[in-house]
Amino acid sequence: QAAQLHLQLQSKHDAATCFVDAGNAFKKADPQEAINCLMRAIEIYTDMGRFTIKAKHHISIAEIYEAELV
């Protein structure tokens, strides 16, 4: 919800950070939701041209798939 509010305020970096935090929180309880949150963050980072951070979060998603076999 915080990420959605940041998007409404046009604060993309803060929104992406909130999505990443949510993704990290969901990793153990709901891996699929963690992936969804990280993908939202990746979309925002792509729009911002932050490709290094985007790649890092793709690695996090791969690790979730590897560990949880979602």
Foldseek 3Di string as FASTA:
>chain_A
DVLVVCVVVVNLVVSLVVLQVVLVVCLPPPNVSSLVSLVVSLVSCVVVVVVVVSVVSVVVNVVSCVVVVD
